[in-house]
Protein backbone atom coordinates (compact mmCIF):
# COMPACT_ATOMS: atom_id res chain seq x y z
CA MET A 1 124.57 -29.75 -144.56
CA ASP A 2 121.19 -28.06 -144.00
CA ALA A 3 119.87 -31.15 -142.22
CA GLU A 4 122.90 -31.20 -139.91
CA TRP A 5 122.43 -27.50 -139.15
CA ASN A 6 118.73 -27.97 -138.40
CA ASN A 7 119.34 -30.98 -136.17
CA ALA A 8 122.09 -29.15 -134.33
CA SER A 9 119.86 -26.12 -133.97
CA TYR A 10 116.99 -28.25 -132.65
CA ASN A 11 119.24 -30.10 -130.19
CA ASN A 12 120.73 -26.84 -129.01
CA THR A 13 117.21 -25.44 -128.54
CA SER A 14 116.10 -28.51 -126.58
CA LEU A 15 119.13 -28.57 -124.29
CA CYS A 16 118.87 -24.82 -123.86
CA MET A 17 115.28 -25.14 -122.54
CA VAL A 18 114.06 -22.28 -124.70
CA HIS A 19 110.45 -23.34 -124.15
CA LYS A 20 110.64 -23.29 -120.36
CA SER A 21 107.48 -21.52 -119.20
CA HIS A 22 106.93 -19.14 -116.29
CA SER A 23 103.78 -18.87 -114.19
CA ILE A 24 103.78 -15.07 -114.54
CA ALA A 25 103.80 -15.33 -118.35
CA LYS A 26 101.02 -17.94 -118.21
CA VAL A 27 98.72 -15.71 -116.12
CA PHE A 28 99.61 -12.45 -117.89
CA PHE A 29 99.15 -13.68 -121.47
CA SER A 30 95.93 -15.53 -120.58
CA MET A 31 94.37 -12.38 -119.10
CA TYR A 32 95.80 -10.17 -121.84
CA TYR A 33 94.32 -12.21 -124.69
CA ILE A 34 90.97 -12.52 -122.91
CA ALA A 35 90.85 -8.70 -122.79
CA LEU A 36 91.79 -8.51 -126.50
CA LEU A 37 89.02 -11.00 -127.33
CA ILE A 38 86.36 -8.96 -125.52
CA ILE A 39 87.41 -5.50 -126.71
CA GLY A 40 88.53 -6.49 -130.22
CA SER A 41 85.49 -8.60 -131.08
CA GLY A 42 83.06 -6.02 -129.66
CA GLY A 43 84.60 -3.02 -131.43
CA ASN A 44 85.04 -4.69 -134.81
CA ILE A 45 81.69 -6.51 -134.92
CA LEU A 46 79.97 -3.20 -134.10
CA ALA A 47 81.81 -1.55 -137.02
CA ILE A 48 80.73 -4.32 -139.42
CA HIS A 49 77.13 -4.16 -138.17
CA LEU A 50 76.90 -0.39 -138.67
CA SER A 51 78.53 -0.65 -142.10
CA ILE A 52 75.96 -3.18 -143.27
CA LYS A 53 73.13 -0.90 -142.08
CA ARG A 54 74.47 2.08 -144.08
CA TRP A 55 76.00 0.14 -147.01
CA LYS A 56 74.50 2.44 -149.67
CA LYS A 57 76.20 5.48 -148.11
CA VAL A 58 79.76 4.14 -147.78
CA ASN A 59 82.68 5.89 -149.48
CA SER A 60 86.15 4.67 -150.44
CA THR A 61 87.61 5.12 -146.94
CA ASP A 62 84.65 3.27 -145.42
CA ILE A 63 85.19 0.28 -147.73
CA TYR A 64 88.84 -0.02 -146.68
CA LEU A 65 87.89 0.25 -143.01
CA ILE A 66 85.15 -2.39 -143.40
CA ASN A 67 87.77 -4.79 -144.75
CA LEU A 68 90.05 -3.89 -141.84
CA ALA A 69 87.24 -4.57 -139.36
CA LEU A 70 86.46 -7.88 -141.07
CA SER A 71 90.10 -8.94 -140.81
CA ASP A 72 90.24 -8.05 -137.11
CA ALA A 73 86.93 -9.82 -136.41
CA LEU A 74 88.24 -12.99 -138.07
CA PHE A 75 91.43 -12.69 -136.03
CA THR A 76 89.48 -12.68 -132.76
CA LEU A 77 88.09 -16.10 -133.74
CA SER A 78 91.60 -17.52 -133.28
CA LEU A 79 92.05 -16.01 -129.81
CA PRO A 80 90.18 -18.69 -127.79
CA GLY A 81 92.76 -21.22 -129.01
CA ARG A 82 95.66 -18.98 -127.97
CA ILE A 83 94.03 -18.34 -124.58
CA THR A 84 93.67 -22.08 -124.02
CA TYR A 85 97.32 -22.54 -125.04
CA TYR A 86 98.49 -20.15 -122.34
CA ILE A 87 96.08 -21.41 -119.66
CA LEU A 88 97.40 -24.96 -120.23
CA ASP A 89 100.95 -23.71 -119.65
CA PHE A 90 101.99 -23.35 -123.31
CA ASN A 91 100.47 -26.69 -124.31
CA TRP A 92 98.40 -26.92 -127.52
CA PRO A 93 95.57 -29.49 -127.21
CA PHE A 94 93.84 -29.04 -130.60
CA GLY A 95 96.27 -30.80 -132.94
CA ASP A 96 98.56 -29.57 -135.70
CA PRO A 97 95.84 -28.71 -138.31
CA MET A 98 94.20 -26.23 -135.92
CA CYS A 99 97.60 -24.75 -135.08
CA ARG A 100 98.26 -24.21 -138.79
CA ILE A 101 94.88 -22.51 -139.22
CA THR A 102 95.60 -20.28 -136.21
CA ALA A 103 99.00 -19.31 -137.65
CA PHE A 104 97.41 -18.65 -141.03
CA ILE A 105 94.72 -16.38 -139.51
CA PHE A 106 97.31 -14.59 -137.34
CA TYR A 107 99.70 -13.67 -140.16
CA THR A 108 96.90 -12.94 -142.63
CA ASN A 109 95.34 -10.47 -140.18
CA THR A 110 98.72 -8.87 -139.48
CA TYR A 111 99.52 -8.01 -143.08
CA VAL A 112 95.96 -7.44 -144.32
CA GLY A 113 95.71 -4.91 -141.48
CA ILE A 114 98.93 -3.16 -142.46
CA TYR A 115 98.00 -3.06 -146.16
CA PHE A 116 94.49 -1.69 -145.57
CA MET A 117 95.83 0.97 -143.19
CA THR A 118 98.17 1.91 -146.03
CA CYS A 119 95.18 2.06 -148.40
CA VAL A 120 93.32 4.35 -146.00
CA SER A 121 96.34 6.64 -145.76
CA VAL A 122 96.76 6.85 -149.54
CA ASP A 123 93.01 7.44 -149.91
CA ARG A 124 93.12 10.34 -147.43
CA TYR A 125 96.25 11.71 -149.14
CA ILE A 126 94.53 11.73 -152.54
CA ALA A 127 91.38 13.32 -151.04
CA VAL A 128 93.37 16.21 -149.53
CA VAL A 129 96.39 16.74 -151.81
CA HIS A 130 95.15 15.51 -155.22
CA ALA A 131 91.37 15.80 -154.88
CA LEU A 132 90.83 16.47 -158.60
CA ARG A 133 93.83 14.91 -160.29
CA PHE A 134 93.50 11.35 -158.93
CA ARG A 135 89.91 11.29 -157.72
CA LYS A 136 89.11 8.35 -160.03
CA PHE A 137 91.14 6.13 -157.68
CA ARG A 138 88.66 6.94 -154.90
CA LYS A 139 85.61 5.80 -156.87
CA GLU A 140 83.81 2.82 -155.37
CA ARG A 141 84.13 0.66 -158.47
CA ILE A 142 87.93 1.04 -158.36
CA VAL A 143 88.16 0.48 -154.61
CA LYS A 144 86.08 -2.69 -154.91
CA TYR A 145 88.81 -4.10 -157.16
CA ILE A 146 91.65 -2.94 -154.91
CA CYS A 147 90.29 -4.69 -151.80
CA PRO A 148 90.17 -8.22 -153.29
CA LEU A 149 93.65 -7.59 -154.74
CA VAL A 150 94.98 -6.81 -151.23
CA TRP A 151 93.44 -9.99 -149.82
CA PHE A 152 94.85 -12.01 -152.72
CA LEU A 153 98.40 -10.66 -152.28
CA VAL A 154 98.37 -11.44 -148.55
CA LEU A 155 96.86 -14.91 -149.03
CA VAL A 156 99.57 -15.78 -151.56
CA GLN A 157 102.13 -14.98 -148.85
CA THR A 158 100.39 -16.79 -145.97
CA ILE A 159 98.77 -19.90 -147.55
CA PRO A 160 102.08 -21.84 -147.39
CA LEU A 161 101.66 -21.81 -143.59
CA LEU A 162 98.80 -24.29 -144.01
CA PHE A 163 101.20 -26.84 -145.47
CA LYS A 164 103.95 -26.58 -142.83
CA PRO A 165 103.84 -28.38 -139.45
CA MET A 166 103.40 -25.77 -136.71
CA THR A 167 103.54 -27.95 -133.58
CA ASN A 168 106.40 -29.66 -131.80
CA MET A 169 106.63 -31.94 -128.76
CA VAL A 170 108.85 -30.38 -126.09
CA GLU A 171 109.07 -31.82 -122.57
CA ASN A 172 105.63 -33.52 -122.67
CA ARG A 173 104.03 -30.35 -124.03
CA VAL A 174 102.94 -29.54 -127.58
CA THR A 175 104.14 -26.09 -128.59
CA CYS A 176 102.29 -24.18 -131.30
CA MET A 177 103.34 -21.26 -133.52
CA GLU A 178 106.72 -20.95 -131.85
CA TYR A 179 109.61 -19.66 -133.95
CA PHE A 180 111.87 -22.62 -133.12
CA ASN A 181 109.28 -24.98 -134.62
CA LEU A 182 110.01 -23.35 -137.99
CA GLU A 183 113.80 -23.49 -138.00
CA THR A 184 113.81 -26.46 -140.38
CA ILE A 185 112.52 -24.21 -143.19
CA PRO A 186 115.37 -23.59 -145.68
CA GLN A 187 116.56 -19.98 -145.96
CA LEU A 188 114.22 -18.93 -143.10
CA PRO A 189 116.21 -15.75 -142.19
CA GLY A 190 116.09 -14.50 -145.79
CA ILE A 191 112.36 -15.22 -146.09
CA LEU A 192 111.52 -13.39 -142.86
CA LEU A 193 113.74 -10.40 -143.73
CA LEU A 194 112.02 -10.10 -147.12
CA ALA A 195 108.62 -10.30 -145.39
CA CYS A 196 109.66 -7.45 -143.05
CA VAL A 197 110.60 -5.26 -146.02
CA ILE A 198 107.47 -5.98 -148.10
CA GLY A 199 105.00 -6.24 -145.24
CA TYR A 200 106.28 -3.49 -142.96
CA LEU A 201 109.02 -1.13 -144.21
CA ILE A 202 107.39 -0.24 -147.55
CA PRO A 203 103.89 0.38 -146.05
CA VAL A 204 105.36 2.47 -143.22
CA GLY A 205 107.31 4.53 -145.75
CA ILE A 206 104.12 5.14 -147.79
CA ILE A 207 102.08 6.08 -144.70
CA LEU A 208 104.80 8.42 -143.43
CA PHE A 209 104.95 10.11 -146.84
CA CYS A 210 101.14 10.59 -146.85
CA TYR A 211 101.24 11.97 -143.30
CA LEU A 212 103.97 14.51 -144.13
CA ARG A 213 102.29 15.63 -147.36
CA ILE A 214 98.91 16.12 -145.66
CA SER A 215 100.62 17.98 -142.80
CA PHE A 216 102.34 20.26 -145.31
CA SER A 217 99.08 20.80 -147.20
CA LEU A 218 97.24 21.66 -143.97
CA TYR A 219 100.02 24.07 -142.94
CA LYS A 220 100.04 25.71 -146.39
CA THR A 221 96.24 26.08 -146.39
CA SER A 222 96.26 27.60 -142.89
CA LYS A 223 98.69 30.26 -144.11
CA GLU A 224 96.77 31.09 -147.29
CA ASN A 225 93.21 30.64 -146.02
CA PRO A 226 92.76 30.18 -142.24
CA LEU A 227 89.01 29.58 -142.61
CA ALA A 228 89.52 26.72 -145.09
CA ALA A 229 92.10 25.11 -142.80
CA ARG A 230 89.47 24.81 -140.11
CA LYS A 231 87.29 22.62 -142.31
CA GLY A 232 86.62 19.27 -140.71
CA HIS A 233 87.70 17.04 -143.60
CA LEU A 234 91.29 18.35 -143.57
CA LYS A 235 91.81 17.87 -139.85
CA LYS A 236 89.96 14.56 -139.99
CA ALA A 237 92.30 13.22 -142.70
CA PHE A 238 95.31 14.41 -140.71
CA THR A 239 94.05 12.81 -137.48
CA VAL A 240 93.16 9.48 -139.13
CA ILE A 241 96.62 9.08 -140.68
CA LEU A 242 98.28 10.15 -137.41
CA VAL A 243 96.41 7.42 -135.52
CA ILE A 244 97.33 4.87 -138.21
CA LEU A 245 100.99 5.88 -138.02
CA VAL A 246 101.04 5.68 -134.22
CA SER A 247 99.28 2.30 -134.39
CA LEU A 248 101.91 0.95 -136.78
CA LEU A 249 104.80 2.29 -134.71
CA VAL A 250 103.45 1.04 -131.37
CA CYS A 251 101.98 -2.30 -132.44
CA PHE A 252 104.07 -3.51 -135.38
CA THR A 253 107.47 -1.84 -135.06
CA PRO A 254 108.75 -3.77 -131.97
CA TYR A 255 107.93 -7.13 -133.59
CA HIS A 256 109.59 -6.33 -136.92
CA ILE A 257 112.69 -4.83 -135.30
CA ASN A 258 112.95 -7.92 -133.10
CA ILE A 259 112.62 -10.32 -136.06
CA THR A 260 115.04 -8.28 -138.19
CA GLN A 261 117.85 -8.07 -135.62
CA PHE A 262 117.68 -11.81 -134.83
CA MET A 263 117.53 -12.88 -138.50
CA VAL A 264 120.52 -10.68 -139.36
CA LYS A 265 122.47 -12.41 -136.58
CA ARG A 266 121.37 -15.83 -137.89
CA LEU A 267 122.79 -14.98 -141.31
CA PHE A 268 126.26 -14.61 -139.83
CA TYR A 269 126.49 -16.99 -136.88
CA LYS A 270 124.66 -19.54 -134.77
CA ALA A 271 122.81 -17.90 -131.88
CA SER A 272 123.88 -18.79 -128.34
CA CYS A 273 121.56 -20.32 -125.76
CA HIS A 274 121.19 -16.97 -124.00
CA GLU A 275 120.31 -15.22 -127.28
CA ASN A 276 117.70 -17.87 -128.14
CA ILE A 277 116.01 -17.51 -124.73
CA ALA A 278 116.07 -13.70 -124.95
CA PHE A 279 114.60 -13.84 -128.46
CA LYS A 280 111.84 -16.25 -127.37
CA MET A 281 110.80 -13.97 -124.49
CA SER A 282 110.98 -10.78 -126.55
CA LEU A 283 109.01 -12.43 -129.36
CA GLN A 284 106.12 -13.24 -127.00
CA ILE A 285 106.03 -9.62 -125.81
CA THR A 286 106.31 -8.03 -129.27
CA VAL A 287 103.65 -10.40 -130.70
CA ALA A 288 101.36 -9.32 -127.83
CA PHE A 289 101.93 -5.68 -128.85
CA MET A 290 101.17 -6.55 -132.47
CA ASN A 291 97.91 -8.30 -131.55
CA MET A 292 96.82 -5.19 -129.63
CA ASN A 293 96.19 -3.64 -133.04
CA CYS A 294 92.73 -5.28 -133.20
CA CYS A 295 91.72 -3.05 -130.27
CA ILE A 296 93.32 0.13 -131.68
CA ASP A 297 91.64 -0.17 -135.09
CA PRO A 298 88.22 0.73 -133.56
CA VAL A 299 89.78 4.11 -132.67
CA ILE A 300 90.33 4.64 -136.41
CA TYR A 301 86.68 3.70 -137.06
CA PHE A 302 85.64 6.18 -134.35
CA LEU A 303 87.49 8.99 -136.12
CA ALA A 304 86.50 8.04 -139.69
CA PHE A 305 82.98 6.56 -139.37
CA LYS A 306 80.27 9.09 -138.48
CA GLY A 307 77.85 6.27 -137.69
CA TYR A 308 80.38 4.45 -135.50
CA ARG A 309 81.27 7.62 -133.61
CA GLY A 310 77.59 8.48 -133.08
CA LYS A 311 76.78 4.98 -131.85
CA ILE A 312 79.67 4.90 -129.36
CA LEU A 313 78.88 8.39 -128.06
CA GLY A 314 75.20 7.46 -127.83
CA MET A 315 76.01 4.33 -125.82
CA PHE A 316 78.28 6.35 -123.54
CA LYS A 317 75.68 9.10 -123.03
CA GLY A 318 73.03 6.45 -122.35
CA TYR A 319 75.25 4.81 -119.75
CA VAL A 320 76.01 8.17 -118.08
CA SER A 321 72.31 9.11 -118.08
CA ALA A 322 71.31 5.75 -116.61
CA THR A 323 73.99 6.06 -113.95
CA THR A 324 72.91 9.62 -113.12
CA VAL A 325 69.24 8.62 -112.86
CA SER A 326 70.12 5.60 -110.74
CA THR A 327 72.29 7.73 -108.46
CA GLY A 328 69.53 10.35 -108.22
CA LYS A 329 66.97 7.70 -107.31
CA THR A 330 69.28 6.24 -104.68
CA GLN A 331 69.91 9.64 -103.12
CA SER A 332 66.17 10.46 -103.23
CA GLU A 333 65.30 7.15 -101.59
CA SER A 334 68.03 7.69 -99.01
CA ASN A 335 66.72 11.18 -98.19
CA SER A 336 63.15 9.87 -98.01
CA ASN A 337 64.20 7.08 -95.66
CA SER A 338 66.10 9.58 -93.51
CA GLN A 339 63.05 11.83 -93.29
CA ASN A 340 60.77 8.92 -92.39
CA PHE A 341 63.20 7.80 -89.74
CA ALA A 342 63.35 11.33 -88.27
CA CYS A 343 59.54 11.57 -88.20
CA THR A 344 59.33 8.22 -86.46
CA LYS A 345 61.80 9.36 -83.82
CA LEU A 346 59.85 12.58 -83.24
CA GLU A 347 56.64 10.59 -82.85
CA ASP A 348 58.37 8.36 -80.31
CA ILE A 349 59.44 11.43 -78.37
């Protein structure tokens, strides 16, 4: 029965031309992922470099953010393949093993990122709300056990992707990491819905709780002691979790809502051709939003890392100074040339 369903689904997908590409999508996604590669790799490699330089001074939050930066940096290694895929009009030239590795890196980065952002939020919550009661959980020796545990839990979820074919031949093109290539997996809707709950809903709930509790603590402190409320570490904790929450809502929420609504439909009936095409298009857009997270994470580093913030501001000030000096020299040379020209004219007269 399952085989008949899968064959019918595949035939319906083929006849429906779900994988029909558009030139606008080809150009847009190619340029979009090139921008992600440049910004994401630059921002995250800089964070790792600065962390290595000041390794003896890192705290619990820094350790979580270093792991987040490492995950994002590894993710950018998979982007050249995706860029090539879009440039070649949704045609994967590197074979199925490379497609599996790309899928593995993609989903590992997605959920490692979410889990470490959750860890940062909980860490900030403990630092502000339970600074004395649970401070042992912020000690480096404890955090250094938590980080490998996070990686292990995510790898257990994503390693099966390395053993499942990820490519499919459609109209003389090899598609890679497309949802309809995975429809032969038994109980796929149930698996994806469970992944949405464990990998998205629970972390978002935890982060939202931490945000509300820190907000309440900051409000309460401002009422009792206005001077204490102005301390940098309270506002910094609040701002970091706010950015994390916004990042999750903007980058990850559209994708998980999209997956959830389509999987719920699949549990009850077979999707129509129009629904399959709409889902395919919306999936490309929501995945693009999700991948944007590798460029937003450096904003978190900017707020949480003193060294990162100082380096970025220093680079910006250096650029502004160089531009100002260059502009001043140009204007000075222009004025000098104008004066020389005027003198020459007067001599001619």
